[in-house]
Amino acid sequence: MQRNPSGSGLVYSTGAGRMCPDCRQPISGCVCRQAQSVAPSDGVVRVSRSTKGRGGKTVTVVKGLALDALALAQLGKQLRAACGSGGTAKDGVIEVQGDHCELVLQTLQKHGYAAKRAGG
């Protein structure tokens, strides 16, 4: 019979919700995700248009931002408000619904980012 490597003897519980597989803490109190919060970047923010995997709907995708999750969400909110549309900010990428590449580029340059158009 094998023992649990963490030593707590707990095999399964629904009390804490989702658990981080690395540090075995609840996702809300995870310490290893906070250390990885800023993604490496070359300093250039790339703005592109994409329709793949979205049923033909167009989204404007912003990549290359070296921001933590909170700052990324804040910038995503500002970009969505400037475009007057919805979207999301997750995994280091901001998605704005619709084809707003030029408006997003102008807004990012106003905020001081070195942004350029990527793709077609």
C-alpha atoms as a PDB file:
ATOM      1  CA  MET A   1       0.000   0.000   0.000  1.00  0.00           C
ATOM      2  CA  GLN A   2       1.375   3.400  -0.974  1.00  0.00           C
ATOM      3  CA  ARG A   3       1.105   6.479   1.194  1.00  0.00           C
ATOM      4  CA  ASN A   4       0.217   9.952   0.057  1.00  0.00           C
ATOM      5  CA  PRO A   5       3.529  11.849  -0.592  1.00  0.00           C
ATOM      6  CA  SER A   6       2.246  15.048   1.030  1.00  0.00           C
ATOM      7  CA  GLY A   7       1.827  13.215   4.339  1.00  0.00           C
ATOM      8  CA  SER A   8      -1.649  14.544   5.094  1.00  0.00           C
ATOM      9  CA  GLY A   9      -3.422  11.267   4.418  1.00  0.00           C
ATOM     10  CA  LEU A  10      -6.154  13.136   2.492  1.00  0.00           C
ATOM     11  CA  VAL A  11      -6.956  11.445  -0.808  1.00  0.00           C
ATOM     12  CA  TYR A  12      -9.923  13.437  -2.119  1.00  0.00           C
ATOM     13  CA  SER A  13     -11.872  16.453  -0.924  1.00  0.00           C
ATOM     14  CA  THR A  14     -14.262  18.983  -2.449  1.00  0.00           C
ATOM     15  CA  GLY A  15     -13.893  21.471   0.402  1.00  0.00           C
ATOM     16  CA  ALA A  16     -11.145  23.637  -1.110  1.00  0.00           C
ATOM     17  CA  GLY A  17     -12.258  23.609  -4.759  1.00  0.00           C
ATOM     18  CA  ARG A  18      -9.693  23.436  -7.557  1.00  0.00           C
ATOM     19  CA  MET A  19      -6.129  22.715  -6.493  1.00  0.00           C
ATOM     20  CA  CYS A  20      -2.845  23.727  -8.121  1.00  0.00           C
ATOM     21  CA  PRO A  21      -1.036  20.594  -9.360  1.00  0.00           C
ATOM     22  CA  ASP A  22       2.402  22.064  -8.571  1.00  0.00           C
ATOM     23  CA  CYS A  23       2.165  23.453  -5.026  1.00  0.00           C
ATOM     24  CA  ARG A  24      -1.009  21.534  -3.986  1.00  0.00           C
ATOM     25  CA  GLN A  25      -2.640  24.703  -2.645  1.00  0.00           C
ATOM     26  CA  PRO A  26      -6.108  26.002  -3.596  1.00  0.00           C
ATOM     27  CA  ILE A  27      -5.978  28.025  -6.843  1.00  0.00           C
ATOM     28  CA  SER A  28      -6.915  31.189  -4.935  1.00  0.00           C
ATOM     29  CA  GLY A  29      -3.870  30.791  -2.655  1.00  0.00           C
ATOM     30  CA  CYS A  30      -1.413  29.364  -5.177  1.00  0.00           C
ATOM     31  CA  VAL A  31       2.161  30.588  -4.692  1.00  0.00           C
ATOM     32  CA  CYS A  32       3.768  29.097  -7.807  1.00  0.00           C
ATOM     33  CA  ARG A  33       1.428  30.956 -10.234  1.00  0.00           C
ATOM     34  CA  GLN A  34       2.346  34.314  -8.728  1.00  0.00           C
ATOM     35  CA  ALA A  35       6.016  33.665  -9.455  1.00  0.00           C
ATOM     36  CA  GLN A  36       5.223  32.992 -13.143  1.00  0.00           C
ATOM     37  CA  SER A  37       2.854  35.941 -13.553  1.00  0.00           C
ATOM     38  CA  VAL A  38       4.997  37.987 -15.974  1.00  0.00           C
ATOM     39  CA  ALA A  39       5.676  36.382 -19.340  1.00  0.00           C
ATOM     40  CA  PRO A  40       8.942  37.075 -21.179  1.00  0.00           C
ATOM     41  CA  SER A  41       8.634  39.582 -24.006  1.00  0.00           C
ATOM     42  CA  ASP A  42      10.846  41.198 -26.641  1.00  0.00           C
ATOM     43  CA  GLY A  43       9.285  44.604 -25.988  1.00  0.00           C
ATOM     44  CA  VAL A  44       7.106  44.712 -29.110  1.00  0.00           C
ATOM     45  CA  VAL A  45       3.344  44.397 -28.776  1.00  0.00           C
ATOM     46  CA  ARG A  46       1.800  42.619 -31.754  1.00  0.00           C
ATOM     47  CA  VAL A  47      -1.765  43.305 -32.879  1.00  0.00           C
ATOM     48  CA  SER A  48      -3.386  40.873 -35.312  1.00  0.00           C
ATOM     49  CA  ARG A  49      -6.792  39.790 -36.577  1.00  0.00           C
ATOM     50  CA  SER A  50      -7.973  36.204 -36.159  1.00  0.00           C
ATOM     51  CA  THR A  51     -11.028  34.103 -37.021  1.00  0.00           C
ATOM     52  CA  LYS A  52      -9.743  30.589 -36.296  1.00  0.00           C
ATOM     53  CA  GLY A  53     -11.819  28.519 -33.879  1.00  0.00           C
ATOM     54  CA  ARG A  54     -14.481  31.195 -33.484  1.00  0.00           C
ATOM     55  CA  GLY A  55     -17.114  30.153 -35.989  1.00  0.00           C
ATOM     56  CA  GLY A  56     -16.062  32.802 -38.520  1.00  0.00           C
ATOM     57  CA  LYS A  57     -16.266  35.669 -36.030  1.00  0.00           C
ATOM     58  CA  THR A  58     -13.393  38.151 -36.181  1.00  0.00           C
ATOM     59  CA  VAL A  59     -11.393  39.149 -33.096  1.00  0.00           C
ATOM     60  CA  THR A  60      -8.452  41.493 -32.650  1.00  0.00           C
ATOM     61  CA  VAL A  61      -5.642  39.721 -30.766  1.00  0.00           C
ATOM     62  CA  VAL A  62      -2.986  41.619 -28.753  1.00  0.00           C
ATOM     63  CA  LYS A  63       0.135  39.596 -27.826  1.00  0.00           C
ATOM     64  CA  GLY A  64       3.540  40.365 -26.363  1.00  0.00           C
ATOM     65  CA  LEU A  65       2.512  42.367 -23.313  1.00  0.00           C
ATOM     66  CA  ALA A  66       4.828  41.789 -20.349  1.00  0.00           C
ATOM     67  CA  LEU A  67       2.165  42.478 -17.724  1.00  0.00           C
ATOM     68  CA  ASP A  68       0.840  40.570 -14.740  1.00  0.00           C
ATOM     69  CA  ALA A  69      -2.747  39.297 -14.788  1.00  0.00           C
ATOM     70  CA  LEU A  70      -4.231  42.319 -13.011  1.00  0.00           C
ATOM     71  CA  ALA A  71      -2.536  44.908 -15.247  1.00  0.00           C
ATOM     72  CA  LEU A  72      -3.430  42.851 -18.332  1.00  0.00           C
ATOM     73  CA  ALA A  73      -7.100  42.837 -17.315  1.00  0.00           C
ATOM     74  CA  GLN A  74      -6.997  46.602 -16.708  1.00  0.00           C
ATOM     75  CA  LEU A  75      -5.460  47.305 -20.132  1.00  0.00           C
ATOM     76  CA  GLY A  76      -7.933  44.906 -21.745  1.00  0.00           C
ATOM     77  CA  LYS A  77     -10.802  46.828 -20.182  1.00  0.00           C
ATOM     78  CA  GLN A  78      -9.415  50.124 -21.527  1.00  0.00           C
ATOM     79  CA  LEU A  79      -9.003  48.671 -25.038  1.00  0.00           C
ATOM     80  CA  ARG A  80     -12.521  47.225 -25.041  1.00  0.00           C
ATOM     81  CA  ALA A  81     -13.953  50.559 -23.870  1.00  0.00           C
ATOM     82  CA  ALA A  82     -12.036  52.428 -26.597  1.00  0.00           C
ATOM     83  CA  CYS A  83     -13.416  50.058 -29.237  1.00  0.00           C
ATOM     84  CA  GLY A  84     -16.904  49.873 -27.762  1.00  0.00           C
ATOM     85  CA  SER A  85     -17.002  46.090 -27.861  1.00  0.00           C
ATOM     86  CA  GLY A  86     -16.521  43.030 -25.688  1.00  0.00           C
ATOM     87  CA  GLY A  87     -13.587  40.704 -25.293  1.00  0.00           C
ATOM     88  CA  THR A  88     -11.335  38.979 -22.797  1.00  0.00           C
ATOM     89  CA  ALA A  89      -7.853  39.104 -21.292  1.00  0.00           C
ATOM     90  CA  LYS A  90      -6.294  35.772 -20.320  1.00  0.00           C
ATOM     91  CA  ASP A  91      -3.025  33.847 -20.608  1.00  0.00           C
ATOM     92  CA  GLY A  92      -1.067  36.971 -21.568  1.00  0.00           C
ATOM     93  CA  VAL A  93      -3.325  37.706 -24.571  1.00  0.00           C
ATOM     94  CA  ILE A  94      -6.037  40.329 -24.982  1.00  0.00           C
ATOM     95  CA  GLU A  95      -8.879  39.567 -27.396  1.00  0.00           C
ATOM     96  CA  VAL A  96     -11.251  42.321 -28.537  1.00  0.00           C
ATOM     97  CA  GLN A  97     -14.360  41.284 -30.456  1.00  0.00           C
ATOM     98  CA  GLY A  98     -14.457  42.631 -34.011  1.00  0.00           C
ATOM     99  CA  ASP A  99     -11.869  44.021 -36.426  1.00  0.00           C
ATOM    100  CA  HIS A 100     -10.426  46.964 -34.454  1.00  0.00           C
ATOM    101  CA  CYS A 101      -6.710  46.630 -35.295  1.00  0.00           C
ATOM    102  CA  GLU A 102      -6.084  50.280 -36.177  1.00  0.00           C
ATOM    103  CA  LEU A 103      -7.968  51.613 -33.154  1.00  0.00           C
ATOM    104  CA  VAL A 104      -6.171  49.192 -30.814  1.00  0.00           C
ATOM    105  CA  LEU A 105      -2.799  50.202 -32.303  1.00  0.00           C
ATOM    106  CA  GLN A 106      -3.539  53.896 -31.727  1.00  0.00           C
ATOM    107  CA  THR A 107      -4.711  53.275 -28.166  1.00  0.00           C
ATOM    108  CA  LEU A 108      -1.634  51.182 -27.309  1.00  0.00           C
ATOM    109  CA  GLN A 109       0.689  53.847 -28.727  1.00  0.00           C
ATOM    110  CA  LYS A 110      -1.086  56.496 -26.619  1.00  0.00           C
ATOM    111  CA  HIS A 111      -0.325  54.362 -23.545  1.00  0.00           C
ATOM    112  CA  GLY A 112       3.371  54.249 -24.524  1.00  0.00           C
ATOM    113  CA  TYR A 113       3.678  50.719 -25.931  1.00  0.00           C
ATOM    114  CA  ALA A 114       5.757  49.921 -29.012  1.00  0.00           C
ATOM    115  CA  ALA A 115       2.934  48.286 -30.980  1.00  0.00           C
ATOM    116  CA  LYS A 116       2.939  47.016 -34.531  1.00  0.00           C
ATOM    117  CA  ARG A 117       0.557  45.191 -36.829  1.00  0.00           C
ATOM    118  CA  ALA A 118       1.215  41.472 -37.278  1.00  0.00           C
ATOM    119  CA  GLY A 119      -0.315  39.132 -39.828  1.00  0.00           C
ATOM    120  CA  GLY A 120      -2.505  40.040 -42.761  1.00  0.00           C
END
